[in-house]
Amino acid sequence: PKAIPVQALAETAEAYQKLGVNHLIISPEPMTPRSIER
């Protein structure tokens, strides 16, 4: 239930950057090459 949709990743990255985070490490759901492409 915590997972964000991949379409919101860019916006979410901006929010983390504002907090001082340098690197996001993503656990994809599901764990497939297509998820990595997205």
Full PDB file with SEQRES, HELIX, SHEET, SSBOND, CRYST1, ORIGX, SCALE, CONECT and MASTER records, all heavy atoms in Angstrom:
SEQRES   1 A   38  PRO LYS ALA ILE PRO VAL GLN ALA LEU ALA GLU THR ALA          
SEQRES   2 A   38  GLU ALA TYR GLN LYS LEU GLY VAL ASN HIS LEU ILE ILE          
SEQRES   3 A   38  SER PRO GLU PRO MET THR PRO ARG SER ILE GLU ARG              
HELIX    1 AA1 VAL A    6  ALA A    8  5                                   3    
HELIX    2 AA2 LEU A    9  LYS A   18  1                                  10    
HELIX    3 AA3 PRO A   33  GLU A   37  1                                   5    
CRYST1    1.000    1.000    1.000  90.00  90.00  90.00 P 1           1          
ORIGX1      1.000000  0.000000  0.000000        0.00000                         
ORIGX2      0.000000  1.000000  0.000000        0.00000                         
ORIGX3      0.000000  0.000000  1.000000        0.00000                         
SCALE1      1.000000  0.000000  0.000000        0.00000                         
SCALE2      0.000000  1.000000  0.000000        0.00000                         
SCALE3      0.000000  0.000000  1.000000        0.00000                         
ATOM      1  N   PRO A   1       0.813  -1.224   0.000  1.00  0.00           N  
ATOM      2  CA  PRO A   1       0.000   0.000   0.000  1.00  0.00           C  
ATOM      3  C   PRO A   1       0.843   1.268   0.000  1.00  0.00           C  
ATOM      4  O   PRO A   1       0.340   2.348  -0.328  1.00  0.00           O  
ATOM      5  CB  PRO A   1      -0.816  -0.122   1.296  1.00  0.00           C  
ATOM      6  CG  PRO A   1      -0.054  -1.071   2.156  1.00  0.00           C  
ATOM      7  CD  PRO A   1       0.622  -2.018   1.230  1.00  0.00           C  
ATOM      8  N   LYS A   2       2.109   1.173   0.354  1.00  0.00           N  
ATOM      9  CA  LYS A   2       2.988   2.337   0.353  1.00  0.00           C  
ATOM     10  C   LYS A   2       3.455   2.733  -1.042  1.00  0.00           C  
ATOM     11  O   LYS A   2       3.878   3.871  -1.269  1.00  0.00           O  
ATOM     12  CB  LYS A   2       4.243   2.063   1.204  1.00  0.00           C  
ATOM     13  CG  LYS A   2       4.043   2.075   2.695  1.00  0.00           C  
ATOM     14  CD  LYS A   2       5.405   1.938   3.366  1.00  0.00           C  
ATOM     15  CE  LYS A   2       5.283   1.995   4.883  1.00  0.00           C  
ATOM     16  NZ  LYS A   2       6.630   1.887   5.526  1.00  0.00           N  
ATOM     17  N   ALA A   3       3.442   1.773  -1.969  1.00  0.00           N  
ATOM     18  CA  ALA A   3       4.067   1.999  -3.264  1.00  0.00           C  
ATOM     19  C   ALA A   3       3.395   3.136  -4.028  1.00  0.00           C  
ATOM     20  O   ALA A   3       2.171   3.232  -4.082  1.00  0.00           O  
ATOM     21  CB  ALA A   3       4.025   0.714  -4.095  1.00  0.00           C  
ATOM     22  N   ILE A   4       4.226   3.982  -4.629  1.00  0.00           N  
ATOM     23  CA  ILE A   4       3.699   5.042  -5.495  1.00  0.00           C  
ATOM     24  C   ILE A   4       3.616   4.514  -6.920  1.00  0.00           C  
ATOM     25  O   ILE A   4       4.388   3.630  -7.312  1.00  0.00           O  
ATOM     26  CB  ILE A   4       4.587   6.295  -5.455  1.00  0.00           C  
ATOM     27  CG1 ILE A   4       5.991   5.985  -6.023  1.00  0.00           C  
ATOM     28  CG2 ILE A   4       4.681   6.872  -4.043  1.00  0.00           C  
ATOM     29  CD1 ILE A   4       6.802   7.209  -6.370  1.00  0.00           C  
ATOM     30  N   PRO A   5       2.694   5.009  -7.741  1.00  0.00           N  
ATOM     31  CA  PRO A   5       2.677   4.611  -9.150  1.00  0.00           C  
ATOM     32  C   PRO A   5       3.883   5.192  -9.871  1.00  0.00           C  
ATOM     33  O   PRO A   5       4.371   6.280  -9.529  1.00  0.00           O  
ATOM     34  CB  PRO A   5       1.367   5.218  -9.675  1.00  0.00           C  
ATOM     35  CG  PRO A   5       1.061   6.333  -8.747  1.00  0.00           C  
ATOM     36  CD  PRO A   5       1.600   5.940  -7.417  1.00  0.00           C  
ATOM     37  N   VAL A   6       4.376   4.458 -10.852  1.00  0.00           N  
ATOM     38  CA  VAL A   6       5.582   4.897 -11.550  1.00  0.00           C  
ATOM     39  C   VAL A   6       5.380   6.262 -12.212  1.00  0.00           C  
ATOM     40  O   VAL A   6       6.335   7.045 -12.364  1.00  0.00           O  
ATOM     41  CB  VAL A   6       6.025   3.820 -12.569  1.00  0.00           C  
ATOM     42  CG1 VAL A   6       5.027   3.703 -13.713  1.00  0.00           C  
ATOM     43  CG2 VAL A   6       7.425   4.103 -13.079  1.00  0.00           C  
ATOM     44  N   GLN A   7       4.130   6.587 -12.555  1.00  0.00           N  
ATOM     45  CA  GLN A   7       3.858   7.880 -13.173  1.00  0.00           C  
ATOM     46  C   GLN A   7       4.145   9.050 -12.225  1.00  0.00           C  
ATOM     47  O   GLN A   7       4.334  10.181 -12.672  1.00  0.00           O  
ATOM     48  CB  GLN A   7       2.395   7.964 -13.634  1.00  0.00           C  
ATOM     49  CG  GLN A   7       2.027   6.971 -14.722  1.00  0.00           C  
ATOM     50  CD  GLN A   7       1.500   5.656 -14.168  1.00  0.00           C  
ATOM     51  OE1 GLN A   7       1.861   5.253 -13.056  1.00  0.00           O  
ATOM     52  NE2 GLN A   7       0.650   4.978 -14.943  1.00  0.00           N  
ATOM     53  N   ALA A   8       4.182   8.770 -10.923  1.00  0.00           N  
ATOM     54  CA  ALA A   8       4.428   9.828  -9.935  1.00  0.00           C  
ATOM     55  C   ALA A   8       5.894   9.895  -9.511  1.00  0.00           C  
ATOM     56  O   ALA A   8       6.238  10.676  -8.615  1.00  0.00           O  
ATOM     57  CB  ALA A   8       3.551   9.603  -8.704  1.00  0.00           C  
ATOM     58  N   LEU A   9       6.770   9.114 -10.140  1.00  0.00           N  
ATOM     59  CA  LEU A   9       8.151   9.033  -9.681  1.00  0.00           C  
ATOM     60  C   LEU A   9       8.889  10.361  -9.833  1.00  0.00           C  
ATOM     61  O   LEU A   9       9.627  10.773  -8.928  1.00  0.00           O  
ATOM     62  CB  LEU A   9       8.896   7.926 -10.420  1.00  0.00           C  
ATOM     63  CG  LEU A   9      10.375   7.750 -10.048  1.00  0.00           C  
ATOM     64  CD1 LEU A   9      10.547   7.545  -8.546  1.00  0.00           C  
ATOM     65  CD2 LEU A   9      10.985   6.586 -10.824  1.00  0.00           C  
ATOM     66  N   ALA A  10       8.732  11.029 -10.958  1.00  0.00           N  
ATOM     67  CA  ALA A  10       9.450  12.290 -11.160  1.00  0.00           C  
ATOM     68  C   ALA A  10       9.068  13.313 -10.100  1.00  0.00           C  
ATOM     69  O   ALA A  10       9.932  13.967  -9.502  1.00  0.00           O  
ATOM     70  CB  ALA A  10       9.168  12.829 -12.565  1.00  0.00           C  
ATOM     71  N   GLU A  11       7.782  13.437  -9.849  1.00  0.00           N  
ATOM     72  CA  GLU A  11       7.310  14.367  -8.820  1.00  0.00           C  
ATOM     73  C   GLU A  11       7.824  13.966  -7.435  1.00  0.00           C  
ATOM     74  O   GLU A  11       8.234  14.810  -6.627  1.00  0.00           O  
ATOM     75  CB  GLU A  11       5.788  14.398  -8.828  1.00  0.00           C  
ATOM     76  CG  GLU A  11       5.167  15.310  -7.792  1.00  0.00           C  
ATOM     77  CD  GLU A  11       3.650  15.254  -7.808  1.00  0.00           C  
ATOM     78  OE1 GLU A  11       3.081  14.610  -8.715  1.00  0.00           O  
ATOM     79  OE2 GLU A  11       3.036  15.840  -6.900  1.00  0.00           O  
ATOM     80  N   THR A  12       7.815  12.664  -7.157  1.00  0.00           N  
ATOM     81  CA  THR A  12       8.288  12.174  -5.867  1.00  0.00           C  
ATOM     82  C   THR A  12       9.785  12.436  -5.703  1.00  0.00           C  
ATOM     83  O   THR A  12      10.255  12.821  -4.621  1.00  0.00           O  
ATOM     84  CB  THR A  12       8.005  10.672  -5.731  1.00  0.00           C  
ATOM     85  OG1 THR A  12       6.592  10.458  -5.845  1.00  0.00           O  
ATOM     86  CG2 THR A  12       8.492  10.127  -4.411  1.00  0.00           C  
ATOM     87  N   ALA A  13      10.553  12.252  -6.781  1.00  0.00           N  
ATOM     88  CA  ALA A  13      11.997  12.521  -6.725  1.00  0.00           C  
ATOM     89  C   ALA A  13      12.263  13.987  -6.403  1.00  0.00           C  
ATOM     90  O   ALA A  13      13.185  14.299  -5.628  1.00  0.00           O  
ATOM     91  CB  ALA A  13      12.649  12.132  -8.045  1.00  0.00           C  
ATOM     92  N   GLU A  14      11.479  14.877  -6.970  1.00  0.00           N  
ATOM     93  CA  GLU A  14      11.624  16.304  -6.662  1.00  0.00           C  
ATOM     94  C   GLU A  14      11.404  16.555  -5.171  1.00  0.00           C  
ATOM     95  O   GLU A  14      12.134  17.333  -4.541  1.00  0.00           O  
ATOM     96  CB  GLU A  14      10.640  17.126  -7.483  1.00  0.00           C  
ATOM     97  CG  GLU A  14      10.993  17.255  -8.947  1.00  0.00           C  
ATOM     98  CD  GLU A  14      10.014  18.148  -9.687  1.00  0.00           C  
ATOM     99  OE1 GLU A  14       8.837  17.738  -9.840  1.00  0.00           O  
ATOM    100  OE2 GLU A  14      10.417  19.257 -10.089  1.00  0.00           O  
ATOM    101  N   ALA A  15      10.395  15.903  -4.605  1.00  0.00           N  
ATOM    102  CA  ALA A  15      10.090  16.091  -3.187  1.00  0.00           C  
ATOM    103  C   ALA A  15      11.230  15.582  -2.301  1.00  0.00           C  
ATOM    104  O   ALA A  15      11.596  16.221  -1.303  1.00  0.00           O  
ATOM    105  CB  ALA A  15       8.788  15.382  -2.840  1.00  0.00           C  
ATOM    106  N   TYR A  16      11.807  14.430  -2.657  1.00  0.00           N  
ATOM    107  CA  TYR A  16      12.935  13.914  -1.890  1.00  0.00           C  
ATOM    108  C   TYR A  16      14.158  14.820  -2.038  1.00  0.00           C  
ATOM    109  O   TYR A  16      14.911  15.037  -1.075  1.00  0.00           O  
ATOM    110  CB  TYR A  16      13.277  12.491  -2.323  1.00  0.00           C  
ATOM    111  CG  TYR A  16      12.463  11.426  -1.623  1.00  0.00           C  
ATOM    112  CD1 TYR A  16      11.350  10.851  -2.231  1.00  0.00           C  
ATOM    113  CD2 TYR A  16      12.814  10.986  -0.348  1.00  0.00           C  
ATOM    114  CE1 TYR A  16      10.609   9.867  -1.589  1.00  0.00           C  
ATOM    115  CE2 TYR A  16      12.071  10.006   0.297  1.00  0.00           C  
ATOM    116  CZ  TYR A  16      10.970   9.451  -0.325  1.00  0.00           C  
ATOM    117  OH  TYR A  16      10.239   8.484   0.320  1.00  0.00           O  
ATOM    118  N   GLN A  17      14.367  15.339  -3.246  1.00  0.00           N  
ATOM    119  CA  GLN A  17      15.510  16.226  -3.446  1.00  0.00           C  
ATOM    120  C   GLN A  17      15.427  17.457  -2.547  1.00  0.00           C  
ATOM    121  O   GLN A  17      16.433  17.892  -1.968  1.00  0.00           O  
ATOM    122  CB  GLN A  17      15.587  16.664  -4.911  1.00  0.00           C  
ATOM    123  CG  GLN A  17      16.817  17.533  -5.209  1.00  0.00           C  
ATOM    124  CD  GLN A  17      16.721  18.259  -6.529  1.00  0.00           C  
ATOM    125  OE1 GLN A  17      15.654  18.766  -6.887  1.00  0.00           O  
ATOM    126  NE2 GLN A  17      17.808  18.295  -7.277  1.00  0.00           N  
ATOM    127  N   LYS A  18      14.237  17.987  -2.389  1.00  0.00           N  
ATOM    128  CA  LYS A  18      14.062  19.166  -1.536  1.00  0.00           C  
ATOM    129  C   LYS A  18      14.409  18.875  -0.081  1.00  0.00           C  
ATOM    130  O   LYS A  18      14.773  19.789   0.664  1.00  0.00           O  
ATOM    131  CB  LYS A  18      12.627  19.678  -1.654  1.00  0.00           C  
ATOM    132  CG  LYS A  18      12.321  20.325  -3.000  1.00  0.00           C  
ATOM    133  CD  LYS A  18      10.862  20.735  -3.106  1.00  0.00           C  
ATOM    134  CE  LYS A  18      10.576  21.348  -4.478  1.00  0.00           C  
ATOM    135  NZ  LYS A  18       9.147  21.685  -4.639  1.00  0.00           N  
ATOM    136  N   LEU A  19      14.316  17.603   0.315  1.00  0.00           N  
ATOM    137  CA  LEU A  19      14.674  17.212   1.675  1.00  0.00           C  
ATOM    138  C   LEU A  19      16.168  16.914   1.822  1.00  0.00           C  
ATOM    139  O   LEU A  19      16.641  16.662   2.927  1.00  0.00           O  
ATOM    140  CB  LEU A  19      13.872  15.974   2.092  1.00  0.00           C  
ATOM    141  CG  LEU A  19      12.360  16.155   2.223  1.00  0.00           C  
ATOM    142  CD1 LEU A  19      11.702  14.818   2.552  1.00  0.00           C  
ATOM    143  CD2 LEU A  19      12.014  17.192   3.282  1.00  0.00           C  
ATOM    144  N   GLY A  20      16.890  16.923   0.703  1.00  0.00           N  
ATOM    145  CA  GLY A  20      18.326  16.676   0.755  1.00  0.00           C  
ATOM    146  C   GLY A  20      18.750  15.276   0.394  1.00  0.00           C  
ATOM    147  O   GLY A  20      19.922  14.914   0.561  1.00  0.00           O  
ATOM    148  N   VAL A  21      17.830  14.455  -0.115  1.00  0.00           N  
ATOM    149  CA  VAL A  21      18.172  13.098  -0.533  1.00  0.00           C  
ATOM    150  C   VAL A  21      18.887  13.158  -1.880  1.00  0.00           C  
ATOM    151  O   VAL A  21      18.450  13.855  -2.794  1.00  0.00           O  
ATOM    152  CB  VAL A  21      16.913  12.209  -0.618  1.00  0.00           C  
ATOM    153  CG1 VAL A  21      17.241  10.842  -1.210  1.00  0.00           C  
ATOM    154  CG2 VAL A  21      16.293  12.053   0.769  1.00  0.00           C  
ATOM    155  N   ASN A  22      19.996  12.400  -1.996  1.00  0.00           N  
ATOM    156  CA  ASN A  22      20.815  12.418  -3.210  1.00  0.00           C  
ATOM    157  C   ASN A  22      20.533  11.256  -4.162  1.00  0.00           C  
ATOM    158  O   ASN A  22      20.885  11.319  -5.336  1.00  0.00           O  
ATOM    159  CB  ASN A  22      22.307  12.349  -2.845  1.00  0.00           C  
ATOM    160  CG  ASN A  22      22.713  13.316  -1.767  1.00  0.00           C  
ATOM    161  OD1 ASN A  22      22.854  12.920  -0.619  1.00  0.00           O  
ATOM    162  ND2 ASN A  22      22.890  14.580  -2.107  1.00  0.00           N  
ATOM    163  N   HIS A  23      19.945  10.174  -3.626  1.00  0.00           N  
ATOM    164  CA  HIS A  23      19.888   8.931  -4.401  1.00  0.00           C  
ATOM    165  C   HIS A  23      18.659   8.146  -3.951  1.00  0.00           C  
ATOM    166  O   HIS A  23      18.530   7.831  -2.761  1.00  0.00           O  
ATOM    167  CB  HIS A  23      21.163   8.136  -4.117  1.00  0.00           C  
ATOM    168  CG  HIS A  23      21.475   7.038  -5.075  1.00  0.00           C  
ATOM    169  ND1 HIS A  23      22.763   6.602  -5.310  1.00  0.00           N  
ATOM    170  CD2 HIS A  23      20.696   6.244  -5.857  1.00  0.00           C  
ATOM    171  CE1 HIS A  23      22.752   5.602  -6.188  1.00  0.00           C  
ATOM    172  NE2 HIS A  23      21.496   5.370  -6.527  1.00  0.00           N  
ATOM    173  N   LEU A  24      17.754   7.854  -4.878  1.00  0.00           N  
ATOM    174  CA  LEU A  24      16.601   7.006  -4.591  1.00  0.00           C  
ATOM    175  C   LEU A  24      16.888   5.591  -5.070  1.00  0.00           C  
ATOM    176  O   LEU A  24      17.318   5.389  -6.211  1.00  0.00           O  
ATOM    177  CB  LEU A  24      15.345   7.534  -5.283  1.00  0.00           C  
ATOM    178  CG  LEU A  24      14.718   8.811  -4.734  1.00  0.00           C  
ATOM    179  CD1 LEU A  24      13.474   9.162  -5.531  1.00  0.00           C  
ATOM    180  CD2 LEU A  24      14.377   8.681  -3.253  1.00  0.00           C  
ATOM    181  N   ILE A  25      16.643   4.627  -4.211  1.00  0.00           N  
ATOM    182  CA  ILE A  25      16.823   3.216  -4.553  1.00  0.00           C  
ATOM    183  C   ILE A  25      15.442   2.581  -4.544  1.00  0.00           C  
ATOM    184  O   ILE A  25      14.768   2.547  -3.522  1.00  0.00           O  
ATOM    185  CB  ILE A  25      17.765   2.538  -3.562  1.00  0.00           C  
ATOM    186  CG1 ILE A  25      19.148   3.201  -3.640  1.00  0.00           C  
ATOM    187  CG2 ILE A  25      17.864   1.038  -3.852  1.00  0.00           C  
ATOM    188  CD1 ILE A  25      20.048   2.895  -2.486  1.00  0.00           C  
ATOM    189  N   ILE A  26      15.016   2.112  -5.700  1.00  0.00           N  
ATOM    190  CA  ILE A  26      13.627   1.712  -5.915  1.00  0.00           C  
ATOM    191  C   ILE A  26      13.484   0.199  -5.871  1.00  0.00           C  
ATOM    192  O   ILE A  26      14.233  -0.536  -6.527  1.00  0.00           O  
ATOM    193  CB  ILE A  26      13.120   2.251  -7.268  1.00  0.00           C  
ATOM    194  CG1 ILE A  26      13.097   3.783  -7.234  1.00  0.00           C  
ATOM    195  CG2 ILE A  26      11.743   1.687  -7.611  1.00  0.00           C  
ATOM    196  CD1 ILE A  26      12.857   4.418  -8.577  1.00  0.00           C  
ATOM    197  N   SER A  27      12.500  -0.249  -5.100  1.00  0.00           N  
ATOM    198  CA  SER A  27      12.072  -1.640  -5.157  1.00  0.00           C  
ATOM    199  C   SER A  27      10.844  -1.687  -6.057  1.00  0.00           C  
ATOM    200  O   SER A  27       9.769  -1.216  -5.671  1.00  0.00           O  
ATOM    201  CB  SER A  27      11.743  -2.155  -3.759  1.00  0.00           C  
ATOM    202  OG  SER A  27      11.318  -3.503  -3.813  1.00  0.00           O  
ATOM    203  N   PRO A  28      10.972  -2.239  -7.274  1.00  0.00           N  
ATOM    204  CA  PRO A  28       9.866  -2.186  -8.232  1.00  0.00           C  
ATOM    205  C   PRO A  28       8.812  -3.256  -7.951  1.00  0.00           C  
ATOM    206  O   PRO A  28       9.125  -4.352  -7.507  1.00  0.00           O  
ATOM    207  CB  PRO A  28      10.533  -2.458  -9.588  1.00  0.00           C  
ATOM    208  CG  PRO A  28      12.008  -2.493  -9.322  1.00  0.00           C  
ATOM    209  CD  PRO A  28      12.176  -2.820  -7.877  1.00  0.00           C  
ATOM    210  N   GLU A  29       7.570  -2.922  -8.244  1.00  0.00           N  
ATOM    211  CA  GLU A  29       6.458  -3.870  -8.170  1.00  0.00           C  
ATOM    212  C   GLU A  29       5.723  -3.835  -9.509  1.00  0.00           C  
ATOM    213  O   GLU A  29       5.144  -2.809  -9.843  1.00  0.00           O  
ATOM    214  CB  GLU A  29       5.503  -3.494  -7.033  1.00  0.00           C  
ATOM    215  CG  GLU A  29       6.125  -3.550  -5.658  1.00  0.00           C  
ATOM    216  CD  GLU A  29       5.150  -3.163  -4.559  1.00  0.00           C  
ATOM    217  OE1 GLU A  29       3.982  -2.812  -4.856  1.00  0.00           O  
ATOM    218  OE2 GLU A  29       5.534  -3.209  -3.392  1.00  0.00           O  
ATOM    219  N   PRO A  30       5.749  -4.941 -10.282  1.00  0.00           N  
ATOM    220  CA  PRO A  30       6.500  -6.181 -10.051  1.00  0.00           C  
ATOM    221  C   PRO A  30       7.965  -6.030 -10.450  1.00  0.00           C  
ATOM    222  O   PRO A  30       8.344  -5.040 -11.069  1.00  0.00           O  
ATOM    223  CB  PRO A  30       5.787  -7.178 -10.961  1.00  0.00           C  
ATOM    224  CG  PRO A  30       5.325  -6.334 -12.120  1.00  0.00           C  
ATOM    225  CD  PRO A  30       4.924  -5.014 -11.513  1.00  0.00           C  
ATOM    226  N   MET A  31       8.765  -7.031 -10.132  1.00  0.00           N  
ATOM    227  CA  MET A  31      10.199  -7.008 -10.403  1.00  0.00           C  
ATOM    228  C   MET A  31      10.443  -7.603 -11.788  1.00  0.00           C  
ATOM    229  O   MET A  31      10.722  -8.789 -11.948  1.00  0.00           O  
ATOM    230  CB  MET A  31      10.938  -7.827  -9.348  1.00  0.00           C  
ATOM    231  CG  MET A  31      12.442  -7.729  -9.422  1.00  0.00           C  
ATOM    232  SD  MET A  31      13.116  -6.233  -8.684  1.00  0.00           S  
ATOM    233  CE  MET A  31      12.805  -6.525  -6.943  1.00  0.00           C  
ATOM    234  N   THR A  32      10.287  -6.777 -12.829  1.00  0.00           N  
ATOM    235  CA  THR A  32      10.422  -7.239 -14.212  1.00  0.00           C  
ATOM    236  C   THR A  32      11.245  -6.236 -15.009  1.00  0.00           C  
ATOM    237  O   THR A  32      11.340  -5.058 -14.637  1.00  0.00           O  
ATOM    238  CB  THR A  32       9.047  -7.372 -14.890  1.00  0.00           C  
ATOM    239  OG1 THR A  32       8.459  -6.065 -14.998  1.00  0.00           O  
ATOM    240  CG2 THR A  32       8.118  -8.292 -14.095  1.00  0.00           C  
ATOM    241  N   PRO A  33      11.835  -6.669 -16.135  1.00  0.00           N  
ATOM    242  CA  PRO A  33      12.526  -5.712 -17.003  1.00  0.00           C  
ATOM    243  C   PRO A  33      11.620  -4.575 -17.470  1.00  0.00           C  
ATOM    244  O   PRO A  33      12.077  -3.434 -17.608  1.00  0.00           O  
ATOM    245  CB  PRO A  33      12.992  -6.586 -18.182  1.00  0.00           C  
ATOM    246  CG  PRO A  33      13.164  -7.945 -17.585  1.00  0.00           C  
ATOM    247  CD  PRO A  33      12.047  -8.063 -16.582  1.00  0.00           C  
ATOM    248  N   ARG A  34      10.335  -4.874 -17.677  1.00  0.00           N  
ATOM    249  CA  ARG A  34       9.413  -3.811 -18.093  1.00  0.00           C  
ATOM    250  C   ARG A  34       9.273  -2.754 -17.004  1.00  0.00           C  
ATOM    251  O   ARG A  34       9.228  -1.556 -17.291  1.00  0.00           O  
ATOM    252  CB  ARG A  34       8.043  -4.400 -18.450  1.00  0.00           C  
ATOM    253  CG  ARG A  34       6.988  -3.358 -18.817  1.00  0.00           C  
ATOM    254  CD  ARG A  34       7.450  -2.453 -19.951  1.00  0.00           C  
ATOM    255  NE  ARG A  34       6.478  -1.403 -20.257  1.00  0.00           N  
ATOM    256  CZ  ARG A  34       6.776  -0.234 -20.822  1.00  0.00           C  
ATOM    257  NH1 ARG A  34       8.040   0.038 -21.161  1.00  0.00           N  
ATOM    258  NH2 ARG A  34       5.843   0.651 -21.066  1.00  0.00           N  
ATOM    259  N   SER A  35       9.232  -3.157 -15.743  1.00  0.00           N  
ATOM    260  CA  SER A  35       9.185  -2.189 -14.651  1.00  0.00           C  
ATOM    261  C   SER A  35      10.424  -1.301 -14.661  1.00  0.00           C  
ATOM    262  O   SER A  35      10.342  -0.088 -14.425  1.00  0.00           O  
ATOM    263  CB  SER A  35       9.078  -2.907 -13.308  1.00  0.00           C  
ATOM    264  OG  SER A  35       7.854  -3.594 -13.193  1.00  0.00           O  
ATOM    265  N   ILE A  36      11.579  -1.911 -14.910  1.00  0.00           N  
ATOM    266  CA  ILE A  36      12.821  -1.135 -14.969  1.00  0.00           C  
ATOM    267  C   ILE A  36      12.761  -0.130 -16.108  1.00  0.00           C  
ATOM    268  O   ILE A  36      13.196   1.025 -15.969  1.00  0.00           O  
ATOM    269  CB  ILE A  36      14.035  -2.074 -15.133  1.00  0.00           C  
ATOM    270  CG1 ILE A  36      14.070  -3.119 -14.011  1.00  0.00           C  
ATOM    271  CG2 ILE A  36      15.317  -1.267 -15.165  1.00  0.00           C  
ATOM    272  CD1 ILE A  36      14.066  -2.563 -12.619  1.00  0.00           C  
ATOM    273  N   GLU A  37      12.227  -0.540 -17.232  1.00  0.00           N  
ATOM    274  CA  GLU A  37      12.087   0.389 -18.365  1.00  0.00           C  
ATOM    275  C   GLU A  37      11.187   1.558 -18.010  1.00  0.00           C  
ATOM    276  O   GLU A  37      11.473   2.716 -18.363  1.00  0.00           O  
ATOM    277  CB  GLU A  37      11.530  -0.366 -19.579  1.00  0.00           C  
ATOM    278  CG  GLU A  37      12.505  -1.385 -20.171  1.00  0.00           C  
ATOM    279  CD  GLU A  37      11.833  -2.323 -21.160  1.00  0.00           C  
ATOM    280  OE1 GLU A  37      10.625  -2.100 -21.460  1.00  0.00           O  
ATOM    281  OE2 GLU A  37      12.490  -3.277 -21.612  1.00  0.00           O  
ATOM    282  N   ARG A  38      10.094   1.286 -17.301  1.00  0.00           N  
ATOM    283  CA  ARG A  38       9.182   2.364 -16.899  1.00  0.00           C  
ATOM    284  C   ARG A  38       9.871   3.337 -15.936  1.00  0.00           C  
ATOM    285  O   ARG A  38       9.683   4.552 -16.002  1.00  0.00           O  
ATOM    286  CB  ARG A  38       7.923   1.783 -16.243  1.00  0.00           C  
ATOM    287  CG  ARG A  38       7.034   0.944 -17.151  1.00  0.00           C  
ATOM    288  CD  ARG A  38       6.339   1.773 -18.224  1.00  0.00           C  
ATOM    289  NE  ARG A  38       5.556   2.888 -17.704  1.00  0.00           N  
ATOM    290  CZ  ARG A  38       4.290   2.800 -17.267  1.00  0.00           C  
ATOM    291  NH1 ARG A  38       3.680   1.620 -17.253  1.00  0.00           N  
ATOM    292  NH2 ARG A  38       3.631   3.863 -16.850  1.00  0.00           N  
TER     293      ARG A  38                                                      
MASTER        0    0    0    3    0    0    0    6  292    1    0    3          
END                                                                             
